N, C-alpha and C. Protein backbone atom coordinates (compact mmCIF):
# COMPACT_ATOMS: atom_id res chain seq x y z
N UNK A 1 70.39 32.50 35.31
CA UNK A 1 69.79 31.32 35.90
C UNK A 1 68.90 30.66 34.84
N UNK A 2 68.91 29.37 34.82
CA UNK A 2 68.13 28.63 33.84
C UNK A 2 66.63 28.79 34.12
N UNK A 3 65.83 28.79 33.04
CA UNK A 3 64.38 28.90 33.21
C UNK A 3 63.80 27.79 34.10
N UNK A 4 64.38 26.60 34.04
CA UNK A 4 63.87 25.52 34.88
C UNK A 4 64.08 25.81 36.36
N UNK A 5 65.17 26.50 36.67
CA UNK A 5 65.44 26.86 38.07
C UNK A 5 64.45 27.93 38.53
N UNK A 6 64.21 28.90 37.67
CA UNK A 6 63.23 29.95 38.01
C UNK A 6 61.85 29.33 38.20
N UNK A 7 61.49 28.41 37.32
CA UNK A 7 60.19 27.75 37.43
C UNK A 7 60.09 26.95 38.73
N UNK A 8 61.17 26.27 39.10
CA UNK A 8 61.17 25.50 40.34
C UNK A 8 61.02 26.41 41.55
N UNK A 9 61.72 27.55 41.52
CA UNK A 9 61.60 28.51 42.63
C UNK A 9 60.19 29.08 42.70
N UNK A 10 59.59 29.36 41.55
CA UNK A 10 58.22 29.88 41.54
C UNK A 10 57.26 28.85 42.10
N UNK A 11 57.44 27.59 41.73
CA UNK A 11 56.56 26.54 42.26
C UNK A 11 56.75 26.38 43.76
N UNK A 12 57.99 26.42 44.22
CA UNK A 12 58.25 26.34 45.66
C UNK A 12 57.59 27.51 46.39
N UNK A 13 57.71 28.70 45.81
CA UNK A 13 57.08 29.89 46.38
C UNK A 13 55.57 29.67 46.54
N UNK A 14 54.93 29.19 45.47
CA UNK A 14 53.49 28.97 45.51
C UNK A 14 53.10 27.92 46.55
N UNK A 15 53.84 26.83 46.59
CA UNK A 15 53.54 25.76 47.55
C UNK A 15 53.75 26.23 48.99
N UNK A 16 54.82 26.98 49.20
CA UNK A 16 55.08 27.49 50.56
C UNK A 16 54.01 28.48 50.98
N UNK A 17 53.50 29.28 50.03
CA UNK A 17 52.40 30.20 50.34
C UNK A 17 51.20 29.42 50.85
N UNK A 18 50.88 28.33 50.14
CA UNK A 18 49.75 27.49 50.56
C UNK A 18 49.98 26.91 51.95
N UNK A 19 51.19 26.44 52.19
CA UNK A 19 51.51 25.82 53.48
C UNK A 19 51.46 26.85 54.61
N UNK A 20 52.01 28.02 54.38
CA UNK A 20 51.97 29.05 55.41
C UNK A 20 50.53 29.45 55.71
N UNK A 21 49.74 29.60 54.68
CA UNK A 21 48.33 29.95 54.87
C UNK A 21 47.61 28.87 55.68
N UNK A 22 47.86 27.63 55.34
CA UNK A 22 47.26 26.51 56.07
C UNK A 22 47.64 26.57 57.55
N UNK A 23 48.92 26.77 57.83
CA UNK A 23 49.37 26.81 59.23
C UNK A 23 48.78 28.00 59.98
N UNK A 24 48.70 29.15 59.33
CA UNK A 24 48.08 30.31 59.97
C UNK A 24 46.61 30.04 60.28
N UNK A 25 45.90 29.39 59.35
CA UNK A 25 44.50 29.05 59.60
C UNK A 25 44.36 28.06 60.76
N UNK A 26 45.24 27.08 60.80
CA UNK A 26 45.22 26.12 61.91
C UNK A 26 45.56 26.79 63.24
N UNK A 27 46.45 27.75 63.20
CA UNK A 27 46.78 28.50 64.41
C UNK A 27 45.56 29.27 64.91
N UNK A 28 44.81 29.85 63.98
CA UNK A 28 43.60 30.58 64.37
C UNK A 28 42.57 29.64 64.98
N UNK A 29 42.43 28.45 64.41
CA UNK A 29 41.51 27.46 64.98
C UNK A 29 41.95 27.08 66.39
N UNK A 30 43.25 26.90 66.58
CA UNK A 30 43.75 26.56 67.91
C UNK A 30 43.47 27.69 68.89
N UNK A 31 43.65 28.93 68.45
CA UNK A 31 43.33 30.07 69.31
C UNK A 31 41.85 30.09 69.67
N UNK A 32 41.01 29.83 68.68
CA UNK A 32 39.58 29.81 68.92
C UNK A 32 39.20 28.76 69.96
N UNK A 33 39.98 27.68 70.00
CA UNK A 33 39.74 26.60 70.96
C UNK A 33 40.53 26.78 72.26
N UNK A 34 41.19 27.93 72.36
CA UNK A 34 42.01 28.27 73.54
C UNK A 34 43.17 27.29 73.75
N UNK A 35 43.66 26.75 72.65
CA UNK A 35 44.86 25.90 72.69
C UNK A 35 46.06 26.79 72.37
N UNK A 36 46.44 27.58 73.36
CA UNK A 36 47.42 28.63 73.13
C UNK A 36 48.81 28.10 72.80
N UNK A 37 49.22 27.04 73.39
CA UNK A 37 50.54 26.47 73.09
C UNK A 37 50.57 25.97 71.65
N UNK A 38 49.53 25.25 71.25
CA UNK A 38 49.46 24.76 69.88
C UNK A 38 49.41 25.93 68.89
N UNK A 39 48.62 26.92 69.21
CA UNK A 39 48.50 28.09 68.33
C UNK A 39 49.86 28.78 68.17
N UNK A 40 50.57 28.90 69.26
CA UNK A 40 51.88 29.54 69.21
C UNK A 40 52.85 28.74 68.34
N UNK A 41 52.86 27.44 68.50
CA UNK A 41 53.74 26.60 67.70
C UNK A 41 53.39 26.70 66.22
N UNK A 42 52.11 26.59 65.90
CA UNK A 42 51.68 26.67 64.50
C UNK A 42 52.03 28.02 63.88
N UNK A 43 51.80 29.08 64.63
CA UNK A 43 52.10 30.41 64.12
C UNK A 43 53.61 30.61 63.93
N UNK A 44 54.40 30.09 64.85
CA UNK A 44 55.85 30.21 64.73
C UNK A 44 56.36 29.48 63.49
N UNK A 45 55.86 28.30 63.24
CA UNK A 45 56.27 27.54 62.04
C UNK A 45 55.83 28.26 60.78
N UNK A 46 54.63 28.79 60.79
CA UNK A 46 54.15 29.54 59.63
C UNK A 46 55.03 30.77 59.39
N UNK A 47 55.44 31.40 60.46
CA UNK A 47 56.32 32.57 60.34
C UNK A 47 57.65 32.21 59.71
N UNK A 48 58.22 31.08 60.09
CA UNK A 48 59.49 30.63 59.50
C UNK A 48 59.32 30.35 58.01
N UNK A 49 58.22 29.74 57.66
CA UNK A 49 57.95 29.45 56.25
C UNK A 49 57.77 30.76 55.49
N UNK A 50 57.11 31.72 56.11
CA UNK A 50 56.91 33.00 55.46
C UNK A 50 58.25 33.71 55.21
N UNK A 51 59.19 33.57 56.13
CA UNK A 51 60.53 34.14 55.93
C UNK A 51 61.19 33.53 54.69
N UNK A 52 61.03 32.25 54.51
CA UNK A 52 61.59 31.58 53.34
C UNK A 52 60.90 32.06 52.07
N UNK A 53 59.59 32.28 52.14
CA UNK A 53 58.84 32.81 51.00
C UNK A 53 59.42 34.17 50.59
N UNK A 54 59.68 35.01 51.57
CA UNK A 54 60.25 36.33 51.29
C UNK A 54 61.62 36.21 50.63
N UNK A 55 62.42 35.26 51.07
CA UNK A 55 63.75 35.06 50.48
C UNK A 55 63.64 34.63 49.02
N UNK A 56 62.75 33.71 48.76
CA UNK A 56 62.55 33.26 47.37
C UNK A 56 62.02 34.40 46.52
N UNK A 57 61.14 35.21 47.08
CA UNK A 57 60.59 36.34 46.35
C UNK A 57 61.69 37.31 45.93
N UNK A 58 62.64 37.56 46.81
CA UNK A 58 63.75 38.45 46.48
C UNK A 58 64.54 37.89 45.30
N UNK A 59 64.80 36.60 45.32
CA UNK A 59 65.53 35.97 44.22
C UNK A 59 64.75 36.10 42.91
N UNK A 60 63.45 35.84 42.96
CA UNK A 60 62.64 35.92 41.74
C UNK A 60 62.60 37.35 41.20
N UNK A 61 62.50 38.32 42.07
CA UNK A 61 62.49 39.73 41.64
C UNK A 61 63.83 40.08 40.98
N UNK A 62 64.91 39.63 41.59
CA UNK A 62 66.24 39.90 41.00
C UNK A 62 66.36 39.26 39.63
N UNK A 63 65.80 38.07 39.46
CA UNK A 63 65.88 37.40 38.16
C UNK A 63 65.06 38.13 37.11
N UNK A 64 63.92 38.71 37.50
CA UNK A 64 63.09 39.46 36.56
C UNK A 64 63.80 40.74 36.07
N UNK A 65 64.63 41.30 36.94
CA UNK A 65 65.31 42.56 36.61
C UNK A 65 66.45 42.35 35.64
N UNK A 66 66.86 41.14 35.42
CA UNK A 66 68.00 40.87 34.52
C UNK A 66 67.58 40.81 33.10
């Protein structure tokens, strides 16, 4: 894989980490305000993003092993 592709995946990984963290924090705020439906939605979206982060991480680890 080209270094530019690896760099793009690493940047996407970092950005998605920030986004997932943001959504988890917003979910906690919603819970604190007893907005359970909003909290659930925010947490679910953060979870989906986290799944994508894990997928990118696997690719990056495989690239390091080569």
